[in-house]
PDB file of N, CA and C in Angstrom:
ATOM      1  N   UNK A   1      -5.335  -8.518  12.687  1.00  0.00           N
ATOM      2  CA  UNK A   1      -6.148  -8.336  11.199  1.00  0.00           C
ATOM      3  C   UNK A   1      -5.992  -7.162  10.278  1.00  0.00           C
ATOM      4  N   UNK A   2      -5.773  -6.029  11.013  1.00  0.00           N
ATOM      5  CA  UNK A   2      -4.824  -4.965  10.242  1.00  0.00           C
ATOM      6  C   UNK A   2      -3.425  -5.130   9.351  1.00  0.00           C
ATOM      7  N   UNK A   3      -2.474  -6.022  10.382  1.00  0.00           N
ATOM      8  CA  UNK A   3      -1.640  -5.961   9.534  1.00  0.00           C
ATOM      9  C   UNK A   3      -1.333  -7.101   8.513  1.00  0.00           C
ATOM     10  N   UNK A   4      -2.374  -8.398   8.969  1.00  0.00           N
ATOM     11  CA  UNK A   4      -2.578  -9.188   7.583  1.00  0.00           C
ATOM     12  C   UNK A   4      -3.344  -8.770   6.431  1.00  0.00           C
ATOM     13  N   UNK A   5      -3.946  -7.745   6.506  1.00  0.00           N
ATOM     14  CA  UNK A   5      -4.792  -7.441   5.581  1.00  0.00           C
ATOM     15  C   UNK A   5      -3.630  -6.585   4.852  1.00  0.00           C
ATOM     16  N   UNK A   6      -2.902  -5.644   5.756  1.00  0.00           N
ATOM     17  CA  UNK A   6      -1.589  -4.528   5.116  1.00  0.00           C
ATOM     18  C   UNK A   6      -1.203  -5.855   3.970  1.00  0.00           C
ATOM     19  N   UNK A   7      -0.644  -6.646   4.939  1.00  0.00           N
ATOM     20  CA  UNK A   7       0.681  -7.673   3.994  1.00  0.00           C
ATOM     21  C   UNK A   7       0.066  -8.201   2.777  1.00  0.00           C
ATOM     22  N   UNK A   8      -1.528  -8.577   3.113  1.00  0.00           N
ATOM     23  CA  UNK A   8      -2.180  -9.507   1.761  1.00  0.00           C
ATOM     24  C   UNK A   8      -2.653  -8.460   0.812  1.00  0.00           C
ATOM     25  N   UNK A   9      -2.508  -6.997   1.059  1.00  0.00           N
ATOM     26  CA  UNK A   9      -2.739  -6.085  -0.266  1.00  0.00           C
ATOM     27  C   UNK A   9      -1.526  -5.511  -0.516  1.00  0.00           C
ATOM     28  N   UNK A  10      -0.604  -5.489   0.114  1.00  0.00           N
ATOM     29  CA  UNK A  10       0.782  -5.571  -0.339  1.00  0.00           C
ATOM     30  C   UNK A  10       1.198  -6.488  -1.128  1.00  0.00           C
ATOM     31  N   UNK A  11       1.189  -7.879  -0.944  1.00  0.00           N
ATOM     32  CA  UNK A  11       1.595  -8.735  -1.841  1.00  0.00           C
ATOM     33  C   UNK A  11       0.668  -8.926  -2.920  1.00  0.00           C
ATOM     34  N   UNK A  12      -0.972  -8.614  -3.069  1.00  0.00           N
ATOM     35  CA  UNK A  12      -1.569  -7.979  -4.586  1.00  0.00           C
ATOM     36  C   UNK A  12      -1.337  -7.048  -5.150  1.00  0.00           C
ATOM     37  N   UNK A  13      -0.666  -5.685  -4.576  1.00  0.00           N
ATOM     38  CA  UNK A  13       0.183  -4.895  -5.071  1.00  0.00           C
ATOM     39  C   UNK A  13       1.202  -5.416  -6.146  1.00  0.00           C
ATOM     40  N   UNK A  14       2.207  -5.902  -5.291  1.00  0.00           N
ATOM     41  CA  UNK A  14       3.328  -6.148  -5.916  1.00  0.00           C
ATOM     42  C   UNK A  14       3.403  -7.163  -7.031  1.00  0.00           C
ATOM     43  N   UNK A  15       2.015  -7.946  -6.353  1.00  0.00           N
ATOM     44  CA  UNK A  15       1.977  -9.259  -7.457  1.00  0.00           C
ATOM     45  C   UNK A  15       0.883  -8.798  -9.043  1.00  0.00           C
ATOM     46  N   UNK A  16       0.981  -7.588  -8.934  1.00  0.00           N
ATOM     47  CA  UNK A  16       0.167  -6.674 -10.191  1.00  0.00           C
ATOM     48  C   UNK A  16      -1.486  -7.657 -10.047  1.00  0.00           C
ATOM     49  N   UNK A  17      -1.907  -7.610  -8.705  1.00  0.00           N
ATOM     50  CA  UNK A  17      -3.278  -8.682  -8.815  1.00  0.00           C
ATOM     51  C   UNK A  17      -4.702  -7.243  -8.522  1.00  0.00           C
ATOM     52  N   UNK A  18      -4.637  -6.648  -9.600  1.00  0.00           N
ATOM     53  CA  UNK A  18      -5.315  -5.520  -9.273  1.00  0.00           C
ATOM     54  C   UNK A  18      -6.985  -5.147  -8.900  1.00  0.00           C
ATOM     55  N   UNK A  19      -7.419  -6.485  -9.496  1.00  0.00           N
ATOM     56  CA  UNK A  19      -8.770  -6.941  -9.690  1.00  0.00           C
ATOM     57  C   UNK A  19      -8.803  -7.100  -8.285  1.00  0.00           C
ATOM     58  N   UNK A  20      -8.094  -7.633  -7.246  1.00  0.00           N
ATOM     59  CA  UNK A  20      -8.114  -8.280  -6.061  1.00  0.00           C
ATOM     60  C   UNK A  20      -8.493  -7.082  -5.467  1.00  0.00           C
ATOM     61  N   UNK A  21      -7.102  -6.173  -5.660  1.00  0.00           N
ATOM     62  CA  UNK A  21      -7.252  -4.778  -4.808  1.00  0.00           C
ATOM     63  C   UNK A  21      -8.665  -4.102  -4.965  1.00  0.00           C
ATOM     64  N   UNK A  22      -9.318  -3.803  -6.109  1.00  0.00           N
ATOM     65  CA  UNK A  22     -10.313  -3.193  -6.307  1.00  0.00           C
ATOM     66  C   UNK A  22     -11.565  -3.334  -5.807  1.00  0.00           C
ATOM     67  N   UNK A  23     -11.477  -4.762  -5.595  1.00  0.00           N
ATOM     68  CA  UNK A  23     -12.749  -5.348  -4.893  1.00  0.00           C
ATOM     69  C   UNK A  23     -12.766  -4.951  -3.613  1.00  0.00           C
ATOM     70  N   UNK A  24     -11.853  -4.702  -2.927  1.00  0.00           N
ATOM     71  CA  UNK A  24     -11.268  -4.477  -1.606  1.00  0.00           C
ATOM     72  C   UNK A  24     -11.420  -2.993  -1.244  1.00  0.00           C
ATOM     73  N   UNK A  25     -11.650  -1.935  -2.277  1.00  0.00           N
ATOM     74  CA  UNK A  25     -11.755  -0.723  -2.193  1.00  0.00           C
ATOM     75  C   UNK A  25     -12.985  -0.380  -1.752  1.00  0.00           C
ATOM     76  N   UNK A  26     -13.145   0.952  -1.110  1.00  0.00           N
ATOM     77  CA  UNK A  26     -14.070   1.342  -1.069  1.00  0.00           C
ATOM     78  C   UNK A  26     -14.770   2.082  -2.144  1.00  0.00           C
ATOM     79  N   UNK A  27     -15.884   2.553  -2.159  1.00  0.00           N
ATOM     80  CA  UNK A  27     -16.351   3.295  -3.137  1.00  0.00           C
ATOM     81  C   UNK A  27     -15.745   4.618  -3.471  1.00  0.00           C
ATOM     82  N   UNK A  28     -14.969   5.725  -2.201  1.00  0.00           N
ATOM     83  CA  UNK A  28     -14.339   6.853  -2.254  1.00  0.00           C
ATOM     84  C   UNK A  28     -13.070   6.538  -3.067  1.00  0.00           C
ATOM     85  N   UNK A  29     -12.373   5.088  -2.646  1.00  0.00           N
ATOM     86  CA  UNK A  29     -11.041   4.722  -3.795  1.00  0.00           C
ATOM     87  C   UNK A  29     -11.502   4.375  -4.954  1.00  0.00           C
ATOM     88  N   UNK A  30     -12.307   3.764  -5.185  1.00  0.00           N
ATOM     89  CA  UNK A  30     -12.853   3.425  -6.503  1.00  0.00           C
ATOM     90  C   UNK A  30     -13.131   4.877  -7.312  1.00  0.00           C
ATOM     91  N   UNK A  31     -13.746   5.526  -6.842  1.00  0.00           N
ATOM     92  CA  UNK A  31     -14.183   6.852  -7.409  1.00  0.00           C
ATOM     93  C   UNK A  31     -12.437   7.520  -7.734  1.00  0.00           C
ATOM     94  N   UNK A  32     -11.629   7.853  -6.791  1.00  0.00           N
ATOM     95  CA  UNK A  32     -10.554   8.293  -6.934  1.00  0.00           C
ATOM     96  C   UNK A  32      -9.424   7.348  -8.281  1.00  0.00           C
ATOM     97  N   UNK A  33      -9.716   6.723  -7.993  1.00  0.00           N
ATOM     98  CA  UNK A  33      -8.840   5.564  -9.181  1.00  0.00           C
ATOM     99  C   UNK A  33      -9.595   5.504 -10.704  1.00  0.00           C
ATOM    100  N   UNK A  34     -10.952   5.358 -10.864  1.00  0.00           N
ATOM    101  CA  UNK A  34     -11.500   5.231 -12.226  1.00  0.00           C
ATOM    102  C   UNK A  34     -12.084   4.079 -12.223  1.00  0.00           C
ATOM    103  N   UNK A  35     -10.840   3.301 -12.301  1.00  0.00           N
ATOM    104  CA  UNK A  35     -11.042   1.871 -12.808  1.00  0.00           C
ATOM    105  C   UNK A  35      -9.923   1.316 -12.348  1.00  0.00           C
ATOM    106  N   UNK A  36     -10.192  -0.193 -12.403  1.00  0.00           N
ATOM    107  CA  UNK A  36      -9.111  -1.406 -12.722  1.00  0.00           C
ATOM    108  C   UNK A  36      -8.207  -1.094 -13.270  1.00  0.00           C
ATOM    109  N   UNK A  37      -8.131  -0.718 -14.643  1.00  0.00           N
ATOM    110  CA  UNK A  37      -7.231  -0.500 -15.419  1.00  0.00           C
ATOM    111  C   UNK A  37      -6.374   0.773 -15.002  1.00  0.00           C
ATOM    112  N   UNK A  38      -6.996   1.826 -14.666  1.00  0.00           N
ATOM    113  CA  UNK A  38      -6.473   2.998 -14.046  1.00  0.00           C
ATOM    114  C   UNK A  38      -5.523   2.929 -12.932  1.00  0.00           C
ATOM    115  N   UNK A  39      -5.929   1.881 -11.829  1.00  0.00           N
ATOM    116  CA  UNK A  39      -5.210   1.154 -10.569  1.00  0.00           C
ATOM    117  C   UNK A  39      -4.271   0.669 -11.438  1.00  0.00           C
ATOM    118  N   UNK A  40      -4.078  -0.093 -12.311  1.00  0.00           N
ATOM    119  CA  UNK A  40      -3.373  -0.990 -13.022  1.00  0.00           C
ATOM    120  C   UNK A  40      -2.125  -0.115 -13.165  1.00  0.00           C
ATOM    121  N   UNK A  41      -2.551   1.060 -14.182  1.00  0.00           N
ATOM    122  CA  UNK A  41      -1.708   1.853 -14.948  1.00  0.00           C
ATOM    123  C   UNK A  41      -0.594   2.452 -13.680  1.00  0.00           C
ATOM    124  N   UNK A  42      -1.751   3.316 -13.057  1.00  0.00           N
ATOM    125  CA  UNK A  42      -0.628   4.036 -11.905  1.00  0.00           C
ATOM    126  C   UNK A  42      -0.052   3.001 -11.029  1.00  0.00           C
ATOM    127  N   UNK A  43      -0.458   1.825 -10.388  1.00  0.00           N
ATOM    128  CA  UNK A  43       0.342   0.917  -9.498  1.00  0.00           C
ATOM    129  C   UNK A  43       1.363   0.505 -10.302  1.00  0.00           C
ATOM    130  N   UNK A  44       1.202  -0.126 -11.371  1.00  0.00           N
ATOM    131  CA  UNK A  44       1.982  -0.605 -11.934  1.00  0.00           C
ATOM    132  C   UNK A  44       3.422   0.032 -12.394  1.00  0.00           C
ATOM    133  N   UNK A  45       3.181   1.626 -12.824  1.00  0.00           N
ATOM    134  CA  UNK A  45       4.217   2.068 -12.828  1.00  0.00           C
ATOM    135  C   UNK A  45       5.238   2.452 -11.812  1.00  0.00           C
ATOM    136  N   UNK A  46       4.564   2.648 -10.622  1.00  0.00           N
ATOM    137  CA  UNK A  46       4.823   2.657  -9.504  1.00  0.00           C
ATOM    138  C   UNK A  46       5.890   1.818  -9.014  1.00  0.00           C
ATOM    139  N   UNK A  47       5.415   0.533  -9.254  1.00  0.00           N
ATOM    140  CA  UNK A  47       6.040  -0.893  -8.791  1.00  0.00           C
ATOM    141  C   UNK A  47       7.352  -0.991  -9.381  1.00  0.00           C
ATOM    142  N   UNK A  48       7.086  -0.780 -10.828  1.00  0.00           N
ATOM    143  CA  UNK A  48       8.354  -1.391 -11.780  1.00  0.00           C
ATOM    144  C   UNK A  48       9.263  -0.018 -12.125  1.00  0.00           C
ATOM    145  N   UNK A  49       9.350   0.924 -11.425  1.00  0.00           N
ATOM    146  CA  UNK A  49       9.926   1.919 -11.061  1.00  0.00           C
ATOM    147  C   UNK A  49      11.123   1.876  -9.687  1.00  0.00           C
ATOM    148  N   UNK A  50       9.986   1.332  -9.065  1.00  0.00           N
ATOM    149  CA  UNK A  50      10.888   0.924  -7.786  1.00  0.00           C
ATOM    150  C   UNK A  50      11.838  -0.330  -7.833  1.00  0.00           C
ATOM    151  N   UNK A  51      11.061  -1.120  -8.236  1.00  0.00           N
ATOM    152  CA  UNK A  51      12.045  -2.584  -8.140  1.00  0.00           C
ATOM    153  C   UNK A  51      11.251  -3.590  -7.227  1.00  0.00           C
ATOM    154  N   UNK A  52      12.207  -4.693  -6.791  1.00  0.00           N
ATOM    155  CA  UNK A  52      11.946  -5.474  -5.523  1.00  0.00           C
ATOM    156  C   UNK A  52      12.336  -5.012  -4.613  1.00  0.00           C
ATOM    157  N   UNK A  53      11.182  -5.044  -3.714  1.00  0.00           N
ATOM    158  CA  UNK A  53      11.674  -4.692  -2.197  1.00  0.00           C
ATOM    159  C   UNK A  53      12.756  -5.446  -1.965  1.00  0.00           C
ATOM    160  N   UNK A  54      13.455  -4.895  -0.813  1.00  0.00           N
ATOM    161  CA  UNK A  54      14.604  -6.100  -0.634  1.00  0.00           C
ATOM    162  C   UNK A  54      14.996  -5.525   1.246  1.00  0.00           C
ATOM    163  N   UNK A  55      15.998  -6.229   1.785  1.00  0.00           N
ATOM    164  CA  UNK A  55      16.070  -6.028   3.219  1.00  0.00           C
ATOM    165  C   UNK A  55      15.247  -6.130   3.799  1.00  0.00           C
ATOM    166  N   UNK A  56      15.427  -5.507   5.127  1.00  0.00           N
ATOM    167  CA  UNK A  56      14.563  -5.242   6.355  1.00  0.00           C
ATOM    168  C   UNK A  56      13.061  -4.634   6.175  1.00  0.00           C
ATOM    169  N   UNK A  57      12.040  -5.002   6.434  1.00  0.00           N
ATOM    170  CA  UNK A  57      11.009  -4.234   6.486  1.00  0.00           C
ATOM    171  C   UNK A  57      10.403  -4.208   7.942  1.00  0.00           C
ATOM    172  N   UNK A  58      10.207  -2.879   7.756  1.00  0.00           N
ATOM    173  CA  UNK A  58       9.346  -2.348   9.156  1.00  0.00           C
ATOM    174  C   UNK A  58       7.762  -2.347   9.076  1.00  0.00           C
ATOM    175  N   UNK A  59       7.267  -2.833  10.173  1.00  0.00           N
ATOM    176  CA  UNK A  59       5.682  -2.514   9.565  1.00  0.00           C
ATOM    177  C   UNK A  59       5.422  -2.199  11.366  1.00  0.00           C
ATOM    178  N   UNK A  60       4.154  -1.626  11.023  1.00  0.00           N
ATOM    179  CA  UNK A  60       3.473  -0.856  12.137  1.00  0.00           C
ATOM    180  C   UNK A  60       1.890  -0.744  11.929  1.00  0.00           C
ATOM    181  N   UNK A  61       0.999  -0.943  12.754  1.00  0.00           N
ATOM    182  CA  UNK A  61      -0.066  -0.993  12.696  1.00  0.00           C
ATOM    183  C   UNK A  61      -0.509   0.498  13.907  1.00  0.00           C
ATOM    184  N   UNK A  62      -1.741   1.250  13.084  1.00  0.00           N
ATOM    185  CA  UNK A  62      -2.080   2.207  14.419  1.00  0.00           C
ATOM    186  C   UNK A  62      -3.962   1.880  14.262  1.00  0.00           C
ATOM    187  N   UNK A  63      -4.265   2.555  15.226  1.00  0.00           N
ATOM    188  CA  UNK A  63      -5.860   2.527  14.694  1.00  0.00           C
ATOM    189  C   UNK A  63      -6.173   4.005  15.187  1.00  0.00           C
ATOM    190  N   UNK A  64      -6.684   4.966  14.174  1.00  0.00           N
ATOM    191  CA  UNK A  64      -7.546   5.870  14.435  1.00  0.00           C
ATOM    192  C   UNK A  64      -9.256   5.557  14.238  1.00  0.00           C
ATOM    193  N   UNK A  65      -9.859   5.314  15.210  1.00  0.00           N
ATOM    194  CA  UNK A  65     -10.635   4.993  15.480  1.00  0.00           C
ATOM    195  C   UNK A  65     -11.767   5.694  14.093  1.00  0.00           C
ATOM    196  N   UNK A  66     -12.673   5.474  13.464  1.00  0.00           N
ATOM    197  CA  UNK A  66     -12.941   3.523  13.166  1.00  0.00           C
ATOM    198  C   UNK A  66     -11.838   3.162  11.997  1.00  0.00           C
ATOM    199  N   UNK A  67     -10.481   3.633  11.624  1.00  0.00           N
ATOM    200  CA  UNK A  67      -9.634   3.506  10.698  1.00  0.00           C
ATOM    201  C   UNK A  67      -8.541   2.728  11.326  1.00  0.00           C
ATOM    202  N   UNK A  68      -8.024   1.700  10.837  1.00  0.00           N
ATOM    203  CA  UNK A  68      -6.840   1.000  10.824  1.00  0.00           C
ATOM    204  C   UNK A  68      -5.857   1.728  10.077  1.00  0.00           C
ATOM    205  N   UNK A  69      -4.599   1.703  10.018  1.00  0.00           N
ATOM    206  CA  UNK A  69      -3.837   2.218   9.420  1.00  0.00           C
ATOM    207  C   UNK A  69      -2.313   1.245   9.314  1.00  0.00           C
ATOM    208  N   UNK A  70      -1.907   0.308   8.393  1.00  0.00           N
ATOM    209  CA  UNK A  70      -0.884  -0.256   8.001  1.00  0.00           C
ATOM    210  C   UNK A  70       0.255   0.575   7.567  1.00  0.00           C
ATOM    211  N   UNK A  71       1.481   0.712   8.083  1.00  0.00           N
ATOM    212  CA  UNK A  71       2.474   1.406   7.277  1.00  0.00           C
ATOM    213  C   UNK A  71       3.571   0.181   7.196  1.00  0.00           C
ATOM    214  N   UNK A  72       4.091   0.479   6.156  1.00  0.00           N
ATOM    215  CA  UNK A  72       5.357  -0.114   5.958  1.00  0.00           C
ATOM    216  C   UNK A  72       6.470   0.334   5.638  1.00  0.00           C
ATOM    217  N   UNK A  73       7.466   0.342   5.775  1.00  0.00           N
ATOM    218  CA  UNK A  73       8.905   0.989   5.339  1.00  0.00           C
ATOM    219  C   UNK A  73       9.906  -0.079   4.852  1.00  0.00           C
ATOM    220  N   UNK A  74      10.135  -0.072   3.930  1.00  0.00           N
ATOM    221  CA  UNK A  74      11.194  -0.681   3.416  1.00  0.00           C
ATOM    222  C   UNK A  74      12.184  -0.165   2.091  1.00  0.00           C
ATOM    223  N   UNK A  75      13.138  -0.993   1.678  1.00  0.00           N
ATOM    224  CA  UNK A  75      14.083  -0.317   0.575  1.00  0.00           C
ATOM    225  C   UNK A  75      13.951  -1.363  -0.766  1.00  0.00           C
ATOM    226  N   UNK A  76      14.039  -0.328  -1.787  1.00  0.00           N
ATOM    227  CA  UNK A  76      14.039  -1.136  -3.087  1.00  0.00           C
ATOM    228  C   UNK A  76      15.185  -1.336  -3.655  1.00  0.00           C
ATOM    229  N   UNK A  77      15.251  -2.005  -4.834  1.00  0.00           N
ATOM    230  CA  UNK A  77      16.475  -2.326  -5.633  1.00  0.00           C
ATOM    231  C   UNK A  77      16.629  -0.841  -6.593  1.00  0.00           C
ATOM    232  N   UNK A  78      15.307  -0.498  -6.815  1.00  0.00           N
ATOM    233  CA  UNK A  78      15.698   0.645  -7.990  1.00  0.00           C
ATOM    234  C   UNK A  78      15.460   1.861  -7.316  1.00  0.00           C
ATOM    235  N   UNK A  79      15.714   2.310  -5.847  1.00  0.00           N
ATOM    236  CA  UNK A  79      15.212   3.665  -5.131  1.00  0.00           C
ATOM    237  C   UNK A  79      16.381   4.249  -4.212  1.00  0.00           C
ATOM    238  N   UNK A  80      16.561   4.863  -4.223  1.00  0.00           N
ATOM    239  CA  UNK A  80      17.793   5.570  -3.539  1.00  0.00           C
ATOM    240  C   UNK A  80      17.125   6.022  -2.129  1.00  0.00           C
ATOM    241  N   UNK A  81      15.982   5.876  -1.593  1.00  0.00           N
ATOM    242  CA  UNK A  81      15.161   6.178  -0.497  1.00  0.00           C
ATOM    243  C   UNK A  81      14.327   4.778  -0.234  1.00  0.00           C
ATOM    244  N   UNK A  82      14.719   4.798   1.079  1.00  0.00           N
ATOM    245  CA  UNK A  82      13.466   4.135   2.023  1.00  0.00           C
ATOM    246  C   UNK A  82      11.805   4.669   1.549  1.00  0.00           C
ATOM    247  N   UNK A  83      11.035   3.630   1.402  1.00  0.00           N
ATOM    248  CA  UNK A  83       9.892   3.951   1.003  1.00  0.00           C
ATOM    249  C   UNK A  83       8.861   3.342   1.886  1.00  0.00           C
ATOM    250  N   UNK A  84       7.801   4.528   2.092  1.00  0.00           N
ATOM    251  CA  UNK A  84       6.794   4.271   3.026  1.00  0.00           C
ATOM    252  C   UNK A  84       5.121   3.976   2.114  1.00  0.00           C
ATOM    253  N   UNK A  85       5.210   2.844   2.385  1.00  0.00           N
ATOM    254  CA  UNK A  85       3.389   2.203   2.033  1.00  0.00           C
ATOM    255  C   UNK A  85       2.852   2.086   2.905  1.00  0.00           C
ATOM    256  N   UNK A  86       1.559   2.392   2.621  1.00  0.00           N
ATOM    257  CA  UNK A  86       0.209   3.067   4.300  1.00  0.00           C
ATOM    258  C   UNK A  86      -0.861   2.535   3.106  1.00  0.00           C
ATOM    259  N   UNK A  87      -1.603   1.590   4.109  1.00  0.00           N
ATOM    260  CA  UNK A  87      -3.200   1.147   3.531  1.00  0.00           C
ATOM    261  C   UNK A  87      -3.407   1.622   4.580  1.00  0.00           C
ATOM    262  N   UNK A  88      -4.931   2.418   4.187  1.00  0.00           N
ATOM    263  CA  UNK A  88      -5.903   2.827   5.689  1.00  0.00           C
ATOM    264  C   UNK A  88      -7.208   1.826   5.389  1.00  0.00           C
ATOM    265  N   UNK A  89      -7.520   1.544   6.125  1.00  0.00           N
ATOM    266  CA  UNK A  89      -8.764   0.300   6.185  1.00  0.00           C
ATOM    267  C   UNK A  89      -9.885   0.556   6.952  1.00  0.00           C
ATOM    268  N   UNK A  90     -10.972   0.629   6.940  1.00  0.00           N
ATOM    269  CA  UNK A  90     -11.914   0.565   7.605  1.00  0.00           C
ATOM    270  C   UNK A  90     -12.293  -0.793   8.090  1.00  0.00           C
ATOM    271  N   UNK A  91     -13.104  -0.648   9.295  1.00  0.00           N
ATOM    272  CA  UNK A  91     -12.973  -2.095  10.224  1.00  0.00           C
ATOM    273  C   UNK A  91     -13.204  -3.640   9.946  1.00  0.00           C
ATOM    274  N   UNK A  92     -14.045  -3.340   8.267  1.00  0.00           N
ATOM    275  CA  UNK A  92     -14.638  -4.553   7.811  1.00  0.00           C
ATOM    276  C   UNK A  92     -13.794  -4.959   6.803  1.00  0.00           C
ATOM    277  N   UNK A  93     -12.089  -4.150   6.510  1.00  0.00           N
ATOM    278  CA  UNK A  93     -10.886  -4.222   5.870  1.00  0.00           C
ATOM    279  C   UNK A  93     -11.401  -3.626   4.539  1.00  0.00           C
ATOM    280  N   UNK A  94     -12.027  -2.871   4.328  1.00  0.00           N
ATOM    281  CA  UNK A  94     -12.656  -1.899   3.007  1.00  0.00           C
ATOM    282  C   UNK A  94     -10.933  -1.012   2.928  1.00  0.00           C
ATOM    283  N   UNK A  95     -10.437  -1.103   1.885  1.00  0.00           N
ATOM    284  CA  UNK A  95      -9.269   0.055   1.390  1.00  0.00           C
ATOM    285  C   UNK A  95     -10.166   1.482   1.548  1.00  0.00           C
ATOM    286  N   UNK A  96      -9.450   2.355   2.356  1.00  0.00           N
ATOM    287  CA  UNK A  96     -10.192   3.441   2.126  1.00  0.00           C
ATOM    288  C   UNK A  96      -8.849   4.392   1.604  1.00  0.00           C
ATOM    289  N   UNK A  97      -7.880   4.267   1.969  1.00  0.00           N
ATOM    290  CA  UNK A  97      -6.625   5.137   1.441  1.00  0.00           C
ATOM    291  C   UNK A  97      -5.216   4.275   1.235  1.00  0.00           C
ATOM    292  N   UNK A  98      -4.449   4.750   0.217  1.00  0.00           N
ATOM    293  CA  UNK A  98      -3.305   4.066  -0.243  1.00  0.00           C
ATOM    294  C   UNK A  98      -2.200   5.590  -0.546  1.00  0.00           C
ATOM    295  N   UNK A  99      -0.894   4.828   0.306  1.00  0.00           N
ATOM    296  CA  UNK A  99      -0.190   6.109  -0.223  1.00  0.00           C
ATOM    297  C   UNK A  99       1.654   5.511  -0.302  1.00  0.00           C
ATOM    298  N   UNK A 100       1.851   5.706  -1.334  1.00  0.00           N
ATOM    299  CA  UNK A 100       3.435   5.187  -1.621  1.00  0.00           C
ATOM    300  C   UNK A 100       4.069   6.424  -1.604  1.00  0.00           C
ATOM    301  N   UNK A 101       4.899   6.663  -0.953  1.00  0.00           N
ATOM    302  CA  UNK A 101       5.971   7.739  -1.015  1.00  0.00           C
ATOM    303  C   UNK A 101       7.345   7.589  -0.336  1.00  0.00           C
ATOM    304  N   UNK A 102       8.487   8.431  -0.348  1.00  0.00           N
ATOM    305  CA  UNK A 102       9.478   8.189   0.220  1.00  0.00           C
ATOM    306  C   UNK A 102       9.196   8.567   1.654  1.00  0.00           C
ATOM    307  N   UNK A 103       9.823   7.830   2.573  1.00  0.00           N
ATOM    308  CA  UNK A 103       9.705   7.744   4.280  1.00  0.00           C
ATOM    309  C   UNK A 103      10.504   8.955   4.501  1.00  0.00           C
ATOM    310  N   UNK A 104      10.103   9.826   5.178  1.00  0.00           N
ATOM    311  CA  UNK A 104      10.758  10.593   6.101  1.00  0.00           C
ATOM    312  C   UNK A 104      11.408   9.953   7.283  1.00  0.00           C
ATOM    313  N   UNK A 105      12.163  10.426   7.971  1.00  0.00           N
ATOM    314  CA  UNK A 105      13.515  10.217   8.649  1.00  0.00           C
ATOM    315  C   UNK A 105      12.712   9.686  10.011  1.00  0.00           C
ATOM    316  N   UNK A 106      11.474  10.173  10.574  1.00  0.00           N
ATOM    317  CA  UNK A 106      11.288   9.619  11.376  1.00  0.00           C
ATOM    318  C   UNK A 106      10.344   8.559  11.540  1.00  0.00           C
ATOM    319  N   UNK A 107      10.143   7.974  10.370  1.00  0.00           N
ATOM    320  CA  UNK A 107       9.466   7.003   9.301  1.00  0.00           C
ATOM    321  C   UNK A 107       9.920   5.905   9.110  1.00  0.00           C
ATOM    322  N   UNK A 108      11.330   6.119   8.999  1.00  0.00           N
ATOM    323  CA  UNK A 108      12.337   4.451   8.986  1.00  0.00           C
ATOM    324  C   UNK A 108      13.207   4.470  10.006  1.00  0.00           C
ATOM    325  N   UNK A 109      13.192   3.200  10.293  1.00  0.00           N
ATOM    326  CA  UNK A 109      14.430   3.051  11.410  1.00  0.00           C
ATOM    327  C   UNK A 109      15.496   3.015  10.834  1.00  0.00           C
TER     328      UNK A 109
END
């Protein structure tokens, strides 16, 4: 379930489907971003600067009860570093956390 949700949220992020993401955000995540347009501005800049995801994608799902964490490391055509995309989800699939940053050595194969 968490891997399927994580992949879906990633597809929405890469596909600029911010309204769909917003609808899955927890109240705390909505407060963090403020609005769908603020989310779109932040995410759009990040995705545009990275370019297209390419090559092998490494995925991992962990449970830190009651949360599930979907971690995805991959390379992008405009980034020199492998990147980590992490979705933290409640049991009902609501997004409670989002991280996009360069992957540390232990996080990438």
